[in-house]
């Protein structure tokens, strides 16, 4: 791991986002809370939060960052779901990998919960896609109150 012992402890914040393309009928099942496995967005939110907490176990060279806040929000669109994960901490290194882990696992959880609706006759997923995963914002500040809202 990189030696961060000489770096200053600052307020760190990162927002990552991504999108899962789904069939419109699947999106309607999510909206109507009729997916067999349960509340898709609440389970995805919980899975994303757990992923943020476990990031250094998943990515070998990540430091164990003392995460102070995680928010995962969803925007349901006719063609799929956009997820955004915001992570905050006071530490010597950033939290963008935690935000990326959170949004990725949230989207993977959505896929897992609706895969029975997305499969074609051969058991494949011809149109389901996770796309556009990126870090939208990465900030470090001396004053936590100056960090941008989600």
N, C-alpha and C. Protein backbone atom coordinates (compact mmCIF):
# COMPACT_ATOMS: atom_id res chain seq x y z
N UNK A 1 0.84 -1.18 0.00
CA UNK A 1 0.00 0.00 0.00
C UNK A 1 0.88 1.24 0.00
N UNK A 2 0.32 2.31 -0.49
CA UNK A 2 1.02 3.59 -0.50
C UNK A 2 1.10 4.13 0.92
N UNK A 3 2.24 4.72 1.27
CA UNK A 3 2.41 5.32 2.60
C UNK A 3 1.69 6.67 2.62
N UNK A 4 0.64 6.77 3.43
CA UNK A 4 -0.12 8.03 3.54
C UNK A 4 0.10 8.69 4.90
N UNK A 5 1.05 8.19 5.66
CA UNK A 5 1.22 8.68 7.03
C UNK A 5 1.59 10.16 7.09
N UNK A 6 2.19 10.70 6.05
CA UNK A 6 2.56 12.10 6.04
C UNK A 6 1.48 13.03 5.52
N UNK A 7 0.38 12.46 5.05
CA UNK A 7 -0.69 13.29 4.51
C UNK A 7 -1.56 13.83 5.62
N UNK A 8 -2.14 14.99 5.39
CA UNK A 8 -3.02 15.64 6.36
C UNK A 8 -4.41 14.99 6.36
N UNK A 9 -4.99 14.87 7.53
CA UNK A 9 -6.37 14.39 7.63
C UNK A 9 -7.28 15.53 7.19
N UNK A 10 -8.09 15.26 6.16
CA UNK A 10 -9.01 16.25 5.61
C UNK A 10 -10.39 15.62 5.45
N UNK A 11 -11.39 16.45 5.26
CA UNK A 11 -12.72 15.98 4.93
C UNK A 11 -12.69 15.52 3.47
N UNK A 12 -13.10 14.31 3.25
CA UNK A 12 -13.08 13.72 1.90
C UNK A 12 -14.51 13.35 1.50
N UNK A 13 -14.83 13.55 0.23
CA UNK A 13 -16.15 13.20 -0.28
C UNK A 13 -16.00 12.79 -1.73
N UNK A 14 -16.75 11.77 -2.10
CA UNK A 14 -16.79 11.34 -3.50
C UNK A 14 -18.21 10.89 -3.83
N UNK A 15 -18.60 11.16 -5.07
CA UNK A 15 -19.88 10.69 -5.60
C UNK A 15 -19.58 9.90 -6.86
N UNK A 16 -20.09 8.67 -6.91
CA UNK A 16 -19.98 7.85 -8.11
C UNK A 16 -21.39 7.52 -8.58
N UNK A 17 -21.52 7.32 -9.88
CA UNK A 17 -22.84 6.98 -10.42
C UNK A 17 -22.70 5.92 -11.49
N UNK A 18 -23.82 5.31 -11.83
CA UNK A 18 -23.87 4.31 -12.88
C UNK A 18 -25.32 4.06 -13.26
N UNK A 19 -25.50 3.26 -14.29
CA UNK A 19 -26.84 3.03 -14.83
C UNK A 19 -27.00 1.56 -15.18
N UNK A 20 -28.17 1.01 -14.89
CA UNK A 20 -28.52 -0.33 -15.36
C UNK A 20 -29.69 -0.22 -16.31
N UNK A 21 -29.46 -0.68 -17.53
CA UNK A 21 -30.52 -0.69 -18.55
C UNK A 21 -31.36 -1.93 -18.34
N UNK A 22 -32.68 -1.72 -18.26
CA UNK A 22 -33.62 -2.81 -18.03
C UNK A 22 -34.79 -2.69 -19.00
N UNK A 23 -35.46 -3.80 -19.20
CA UNK A 23 -36.67 -3.80 -20.01
C UNK A 23 -37.72 -2.94 -19.30
N UNK A 24 -38.50 -2.15 -20.05
CA UNK A 24 -39.53 -1.32 -19.42
C UNK A 24 -40.50 -2.10 -18.53
N UNK A 25 -40.80 -3.35 -18.88
CA UNK A 25 -41.71 -4.14 -18.04
C UNK A 25 -41.05 -4.48 -16.70
N UNK A 26 -39.73 -4.66 -16.69
CA UNK A 26 -39.02 -4.89 -15.44
C UNK A 26 -39.05 -3.64 -14.57
N UNK A 27 -38.85 -2.48 -15.19
CA UNK A 27 -38.90 -1.22 -14.46
C UNK A 27 -40.28 -1.05 -13.82
N UNK A 28 -41.33 -1.42 -14.53
CA UNK A 28 -42.68 -1.33 -13.97
C UNK A 28 -42.85 -2.25 -12.76
N UNK A 29 -42.27 -3.44 -12.83
CA UNK A 29 -42.33 -4.36 -11.67
C UNK A 29 -41.63 -3.74 -10.46
N UNK A 30 -40.49 -3.07 -10.70
CA UNK A 30 -39.78 -2.40 -9.61
C UNK A 30 -40.64 -1.27 -9.04
N UNK A 31 -41.20 -0.46 -9.92
CA UNK A 31 -42.05 0.66 -9.49
C UNK A 31 -43.25 0.18 -8.68
N UNK A 32 -43.83 -0.96 -9.10
CA UNK A 32 -45.04 -1.48 -8.46
C UNK A 32 -44.74 -2.39 -7.26
N UNK A 33 -43.47 -2.57 -6.95
CA UNK A 33 -43.05 -3.42 -5.82
C UNK A 33 -43.59 -4.84 -5.95
N UNK A 34 -43.50 -5.39 -7.19
CA UNK A 34 -44.00 -6.74 -7.43
C UNK A 34 -42.89 -7.72 -7.81
N UNK A 35 -41.64 -7.34 -7.62
CA UNK A 35 -40.51 -8.24 -7.89
C UNK A 35 -40.50 -9.33 -6.83
N UNK A 36 -40.35 -10.58 -7.24
CA UNK A 36 -40.45 -11.73 -6.32
C UNK A 36 -39.49 -11.66 -5.14
N UNK A 37 -38.29 -11.15 -5.36
CA UNK A 37 -37.28 -11.15 -4.30
C UNK A 37 -37.47 -10.02 -3.29
N UNK A 38 -38.38 -9.08 -3.56
CA UNK A 38 -38.64 -8.03 -2.59
C UNK A 38 -38.40 -6.63 -3.13
N UNK A 39 -38.19 -5.70 -2.22
CA UNK A 39 -38.00 -4.28 -2.55
C UNK A 39 -36.61 -4.09 -3.16
N UNK A 40 -36.57 -4.00 -4.47
CA UNK A 40 -35.32 -3.98 -5.22
C UNK A 40 -34.42 -2.82 -4.79
N UNK A 41 -34.97 -1.64 -4.71
CA UNK A 41 -34.12 -0.47 -4.43
C UNK A 41 -33.63 -0.46 -2.99
N UNK A 42 -34.42 -0.91 -2.06
CA UNK A 42 -33.96 -0.94 -0.66
C UNK A 42 -32.87 -2.00 -0.48
N UNK A 43 -33.04 -3.15 -1.10
CA UNK A 43 -32.00 -4.18 -1.02
C UNK A 43 -30.72 -3.69 -1.71
N UNK A 44 -30.86 -3.05 -2.86
CA UNK A 44 -29.69 -2.52 -3.58
C UNK A 44 -28.98 -1.45 -2.75
N UNK A 45 -29.75 -0.61 -2.08
CA UNK A 45 -29.15 0.42 -1.21
C UNK A 45 -28.34 -0.24 -0.09
N UNK A 46 -28.93 -1.23 0.55
CA UNK A 46 -28.25 -1.93 1.64
C UNK A 46 -26.98 -2.63 1.13
N UNK A 47 -27.07 -3.28 0.00
CA UNK A 47 -25.91 -3.96 -0.58
C UNK A 47 -24.81 -2.96 -0.91
N UNK A 48 -25.17 -1.81 -1.45
CA UNK A 48 -24.19 -0.78 -1.77
C UNK A 48 -23.48 -0.25 -0.53
N UNK A 49 -24.24 -0.05 0.54
CA UNK A 49 -23.64 0.42 1.79
C UNK A 49 -22.65 -0.62 2.32
N UNK A 50 -23.05 -1.89 2.28
CA UNK A 50 -22.14 -2.95 2.72
C UNK A 50 -20.87 -2.99 1.86
N UNK A 51 -21.03 -2.77 0.56
CA UNK A 51 -19.85 -2.77 -0.33
C UNK A 51 -18.90 -1.64 0.03
N UNK A 52 -19.44 -0.46 0.36
CA UNK A 52 -18.58 0.66 0.76
C UNK A 52 -17.76 0.24 1.97
N UNK A 53 -18.40 -0.37 2.95
CA UNK A 53 -17.71 -0.79 4.17
C UNK A 53 -16.64 -1.85 3.91
N UNK A 54 -16.83 -2.66 2.88
CA UNK A 54 -15.93 -3.77 2.60
C UNK A 54 -14.94 -3.49 1.47
N UNK A 55 -14.87 -2.26 1.01
CA UNK A 55 -14.00 -1.94 -0.12
C UNK A 55 -12.56 -2.43 0.06
N UNK A 56 -11.91 -2.21 1.21
CA UNK A 56 -10.52 -2.68 1.32
C UNK A 56 -10.39 -4.21 1.31
N UNK A 57 -11.48 -4.93 1.55
CA UNK A 57 -11.44 -6.39 1.44
C UNK A 57 -11.55 -6.82 -0.02
N UNK A 58 -12.13 -5.97 -0.86
CA UNK A 58 -12.34 -6.29 -2.27
C UNK A 58 -11.21 -5.79 -3.16
N UNK A 59 -10.64 -4.66 -2.81
CA UNK A 59 -9.59 -4.03 -3.62
C UNK A 59 -8.32 -4.02 -2.77
N UNK A 60 -7.35 -4.86 -3.12
CA UNK A 60 -6.22 -5.16 -2.23
C UNK A 60 -5.41 -3.97 -1.71
N UNK A 61 -5.21 -2.93 -2.50
CA UNK A 61 -4.35 -1.84 -2.07
C UNK A 61 -5.10 -0.64 -1.49
N UNK A 62 -6.40 -0.79 -1.26
CA UNK A 62 -7.17 0.29 -0.63
C UNK A 62 -6.91 0.31 0.87
N UNK A 63 -6.82 1.51 1.41
CA UNK A 63 -6.69 1.68 2.84
C UNK A 63 -8.05 1.47 3.52
N UNK A 64 -8.01 1.16 4.79
CA UNK A 64 -9.23 1.05 5.60
C UNK A 64 -9.63 2.46 6.02
N UNK A 65 -10.52 3.05 5.27
CA UNK A 65 -10.95 4.43 5.51
C UNK A 65 -12.11 4.40 6.52
N UNK A 66 -12.04 5.24 7.55
CA UNK A 66 -13.14 5.30 8.52
C UNK A 66 -14.33 6.09 7.95
N UNK A 67 -15.15 5.41 7.20
CA UNK A 67 -16.28 6.04 6.52
C UNK A 67 -17.26 6.60 7.55
N UNK A 68 -17.67 7.84 7.34
CA UNK A 68 -18.59 8.51 8.24
C UNK A 68 -20.01 8.59 7.71
N UNK A 69 -20.16 8.57 6.39
CA UNK A 69 -21.48 8.73 5.80
C UNK A 69 -21.53 8.07 4.43
N UNK A 70 -22.64 7.38 4.16
CA UNK A 70 -22.89 6.80 2.85
C UNK A 70 -24.35 7.08 2.50
N UNK A 71 -24.57 7.63 1.32
CA UNK A 71 -25.92 7.82 0.78
C UNK A 71 -25.96 7.16 -0.59
N UNK A 72 -26.97 6.36 -0.82
CA UNK A 72 -27.18 5.78 -2.14
C UNK A 72 -28.60 6.13 -2.56
N UNK A 73 -28.70 6.78 -3.70
CA UNK A 73 -29.99 7.21 -4.23
C UNK A 73 -30.19 6.65 -5.62
N UNK A 74 -31.45 6.49 -5.99
CA UNK A 74 -31.81 5.93 -7.28
C UNK A 74 -32.76 6.87 -8.02
N UNK A 75 -32.61 6.90 -9.32
CA UNK A 75 -33.53 7.60 -10.19
C UNK A 75 -34.09 6.56 -11.17
N UNK A 76 -35.38 6.27 -11.03
CA UNK A 76 -36.02 5.26 -11.86
C UNK A 76 -36.50 5.93 -13.15
N UNK A 77 -36.02 5.41 -14.26
CA UNK A 77 -36.40 5.91 -15.58
C UNK A 77 -37.07 4.76 -16.34
N UNK A 78 -37.76 5.08 -17.42
CA UNK A 78 -38.44 4.05 -18.18
C UNK A 78 -37.49 2.99 -18.72
N UNK A 79 -36.26 3.37 -19.03
CA UNK A 79 -35.30 2.45 -19.64
C UNK A 79 -34.32 1.83 -18.65
N UNK A 80 -34.48 2.14 -17.35
CA UNK A 80 -33.59 1.55 -16.36
C UNK A 80 -33.48 2.42 -15.12
N UNK A 81 -32.41 2.18 -14.36
CA UNK A 81 -32.23 2.86 -13.08
C UNK A 81 -30.83 3.44 -12.98
N UNK A 82 -30.78 4.71 -12.60
CA UNK A 82 -29.51 5.35 -12.32
C UNK A 82 -29.28 5.29 -10.81
N UNK A 83 -28.06 4.94 -10.41
CA UNK A 83 -27.70 4.91 -9.00
C UNK A 83 -26.58 5.90 -8.76
N UNK A 84 -26.62 6.55 -7.59
CA UNK A 84 -25.55 7.47 -7.17
C UNK A 84 -25.18 7.13 -5.73
N UNK A 85 -23.88 7.06 -5.49
CA UNK A 85 -23.37 6.75 -4.16
C UNK A 85 -22.45 7.87 -3.71
N UNK A 86 -22.77 8.45 -2.55
CA UNK A 86 -21.96 9.53 -1.97
C UNK A 86 -21.35 9.02 -0.67
N UNK A 87 -20.04 9.17 -0.55
CA UNK A 87 -19.30 8.69 0.62
C UNK A 87 -18.52 9.86 1.21
N UNK A 88 -18.53 9.94 2.55
CA UNK A 88 -17.77 10.99 3.24
C UNK A 88 -16.94 10.38 4.37
N UNK A 89 -15.77 10.98 4.60
CA UNK A 89 -14.90 10.57 5.70
C UNK A 89 -13.89 11.68 5.98
N UNK A 90 -13.32 11.65 7.16
CA UNK A 90 -12.14 12.45 7.49
C UNK A 90 -10.97 11.48 7.51
N UNK A 91 -10.06 11.64 6.57
CA UNK A 91 -8.94 10.70 6.50
C UNK A 91 -7.82 11.29 5.66
N UNK A 92 -6.79 10.49 5.47
CA UNK A 92 -5.58 10.92 4.75
C UNK A 92 -5.62 10.56 3.27
N UNK A 93 -6.66 9.85 2.85
CA UNK A 93 -6.80 9.47 1.45
C UNK A 93 -8.28 9.51 1.08
N UNK A 94 -8.55 9.57 -0.21
CA UNK A 94 -9.91 9.78 -0.70
C UNK A 94 -10.81 8.57 -0.60
N UNK A 95 -12.07 8.79 -0.93
CA UNK A 95 -13.10 7.76 -0.81
C UNK A 95 -13.76 7.42 -2.15
N UNK A 96 -13.06 7.72 -3.24
CA UNK A 96 -13.67 7.44 -4.54
C UNK A 96 -13.81 5.94 -4.82
N UNK A 97 -12.87 5.12 -4.33
CA UNK A 97 -13.01 3.68 -4.55
C UNK A 97 -14.20 3.12 -3.76
N UNK A 98 -14.44 3.68 -2.59
CA UNK A 98 -15.60 3.28 -1.80
C UNK A 98 -16.90 3.65 -2.54
N UNK A 99 -16.94 4.85 -3.10
CA UNK A 99 -18.13 5.27 -3.84
C UNK A 99 -18.35 4.40 -5.08
N UNK A 100 -17.27 4.09 -5.78
CA UNK A 100 -17.38 3.21 -6.95
C UNK A 100 -17.83 1.81 -6.57
N UNK A 101 -17.31 1.30 -5.47
CA UNK A 101 -17.73 -0.03 -4.99
C UNK A 101 -19.21 -0.01 -4.64
N UNK A 102 -19.64 1.03 -3.94
CA UNK A 102 -21.03 1.13 -3.53
C UNK A 102 -21.99 1.16 -4.70
N UNK A 103 -21.70 2.00 -5.68
CA UNK A 103 -22.62 2.10 -6.82
C UNK A 103 -22.58 0.82 -7.65
N UNK A 104 -21.42 0.21 -7.80
CA UNK A 104 -21.31 -1.02 -8.59
C UNK A 104 -22.12 -2.16 -7.98
N UNK A 105 -21.96 -2.35 -6.68
CA UNK A 105 -22.68 -3.44 -6.02
C UNK A 105 -24.19 -3.15 -5.95
N UNK A 106 -24.57 -1.90 -5.80
CA UNK A 106 -26.00 -1.57 -5.85
C UNK A 106 -26.59 -1.98 -7.19
N UNK A 107 -25.89 -1.65 -8.27
CA UNK A 107 -26.38 -2.01 -9.60
C UNK A 107 -26.38 -3.52 -9.82
N UNK A 108 -25.34 -4.20 -9.33
CA UNK A 108 -25.30 -5.66 -9.44
C UNK A 108 -26.45 -6.30 -8.66
N UNK A 109 -26.79 -5.73 -7.53
CA UNK A 109 -27.90 -6.26 -6.73
C UNK A 109 -29.23 -6.09 -7.45
N UNK A 110 -29.39 -4.96 -8.12
CA UNK A 110 -30.60 -4.77 -8.92
C UNK A 110 -30.69 -5.87 -9.98
N UNK A 111 -29.59 -6.10 -10.69
CA UNK A 111 -29.58 -7.14 -11.73
C UNK A 111 -29.95 -8.50 -11.12
N UNK A 112 -29.34 -8.84 -9.99
CA UNK A 112 -29.61 -10.12 -9.36
C UNK A 112 -31.08 -10.28 -9.01
N UNK A 113 -31.69 -9.22 -8.52
CA UNK A 113 -33.08 -9.32 -8.08
C UNK A 113 -34.08 -9.42 -9.22
N UNK A 114 -33.70 -8.92 -10.39
CA UNK A 114 -34.65 -8.91 -11.52
C UNK A 114 -34.21 -9.81 -12.67
N UNK A 115 -33.18 -10.59 -12.48
CA UNK A 115 -32.66 -11.37 -13.61
C UNK A 115 -33.69 -12.33 -14.20
N UNK A 116 -34.59 -12.85 -13.37
CA UNK A 116 -35.62 -13.75 -13.90
C UNK A 116 -36.55 -13.01 -14.87
N UNK A 117 -36.69 -11.70 -14.71
CA UNK A 117 -37.52 -10.91 -15.62
C UNK A 117 -36.77 -10.50 -16.88
N UNK A 118 -35.46 -10.46 -16.81
CA UNK A 118 -34.64 -9.97 -17.91
C UNK A 118 -34.16 -11.06 -18.87
N UNK A 119 -34.21 -12.32 -18.46
CA UNK A 119 -33.72 -13.41 -19.28
C UNK A 119 -34.59 -13.61 -20.52
N UNK A 120 -33.92 -13.99 -21.61
CA UNK A 120 -34.67 -14.36 -22.81
C UNK A 120 -34.92 -15.87 -22.78
N UNK A 121 -35.43 -16.43 -23.87
CA UNK A 121 -35.75 -17.85 -23.95
C UNK A 121 -34.55 -18.77 -23.82
N UNK A 122 -33.35 -18.26 -24.05
CA UNK A 122 -32.14 -19.08 -23.93
C UNK A 122 -31.44 -18.89 -22.59
N UNK A 123 -32.03 -18.07 -21.72
CA UNK A 123 -31.41 -17.82 -20.41
C UNK A 123 -30.37 -16.72 -20.41
N UNK A 124 -30.28 -15.97 -21.50
CA UNK A 124 -29.31 -14.89 -21.61
C UNK A 124 -29.98 -13.54 -21.37
N UNK A 125 -29.16 -12.51 -21.31
CA UNK A 125 -29.63 -11.14 -21.03
C UNK A 125 -29.30 -10.25 -22.25
N UNK A 126 -30.13 -10.30 -23.27
CA UNK A 126 -29.78 -9.60 -24.51
C UNK A 126 -29.73 -8.08 -24.41
N UNK A 127 -30.47 -7.49 -23.49
CA UNK A 127 -30.47 -6.02 -23.44
C UNK A 127 -30.08 -5.44 -22.08
N UNK A 128 -29.94 -6.26 -21.06
CA UNK A 128 -29.57 -5.77 -19.73
C UNK A 128 -28.11 -5.34 -19.77
N UNK A 129 -27.84 -4.13 -19.28
CA UNK A 129 -26.47 -3.60 -19.30
C UNK A 129 -26.25 -2.72 -18.09
N UNK A 130 -25.07 -2.83 -17.48
CA UNK A 130 -24.62 -1.86 -16.49
C UNK A 130 -23.62 -0.98 -17.22
N UNK A 131 -23.86 0.32 -17.21
CA UNK A 131 -23.02 1.24 -17.98
C UNK A 131 -22.72 2.51 -17.19
N UNK A 132 -21.81 3.27 -17.75
CA UNK A 132 -21.53 4.64 -17.31
C UNK A 132 -21.16 4.76 -15.83
N UNK A 133 -20.43 3.80 -15.30
CA UNK A 133 -19.96 3.93 -13.92
C UNK A 133 -18.78 4.90 -13.92
N UNK A 134 -18.91 5.94 -13.10
CA UNK A 134 -17.87 6.97 -13.07
C UNK A 134 -17.87 7.73 -11.75
N UNK A 135 -16.76 8.40 -11.48
CA UNK A 135 -16.68 9.30 -10.33
C UNK A 135 -17.12 10.67 -10.83
N UNK A 136 -18.23 11.15 -10.30
CA UNK A 136 -18.75 12.47 -10.68
C UNK A 136 -18.04 13.59 -9.93
N UNK A 137 -17.80 13.35 -8.64
CA UNK A 137 -17.22 14.38 -7.78
C UNK A 137 -16.21 13.73 -6.85
N UNK A 138 -15.08 14.39 -6.66
CA UNK A 138 -14.11 14.00 -5.65
C UNK A 138 -13.61 15.29 -5.01
N UNK A 139 -13.80 15.41 -3.69
CA UNK A 139 -13.39 16.64 -3.01
C UNK A 139 -12.60 16.32 -1.75
N UNK A 140 -11.71 17.24 -1.42
CA UNK A 140 -11.08 17.21 -0.11
C UNK A 140 -11.03 18.64 0.39
N UNK A 141 -11.41 18.80 1.66
CA UNK A 141 -11.54 20.13 2.25
C UNK A 141 -11.04 20.11 3.69
N UNK A 142 -10.63 21.28 4.17
CA UNK A 142 -10.28 21.42 5.58
C UNK A 142 -11.51 21.50 6.46
N UNK A 143 -12.63 21.95 5.89
CA UNK A 143 -13.86 22.16 6.65
C UNK A 143 -14.96 21.28 6.07
N UNK A 144 -15.46 20.33 6.84
CA UNK A 144 -16.50 19.40 6.37
C UNK A 144 -17.74 20.13 5.88
N UNK A 145 -18.07 21.26 6.45
CA UNK A 145 -19.29 21.97 6.06
C UNK A 145 -19.23 22.50 4.63
N UNK A 146 -18.03 22.56 4.05
CA UNK A 146 -17.89 23.07 2.69
C UNK A 146 -18.06 21.97 1.63
N UNK A 147 -18.20 20.74 2.03
CA UNK A 147 -18.33 19.65 1.06
C UNK A 147 -19.66 19.75 0.35
N UNK A 148 -19.62 19.53 -0.97
CA UNK A 148 -20.83 19.63 -1.79
C UNK A 148 -21.88 18.62 -1.38
N UNK A 149 -23.16 19.00 -1.45
CA UNK A 149 -24.23 18.03 -1.18
C UNK A 149 -24.36 17.08 -2.36
N UNK A 150 -25.08 15.97 -2.14
CA UNK A 150 -25.28 14.98 -3.21
C UNK A 150 -26.13 15.54 -4.29
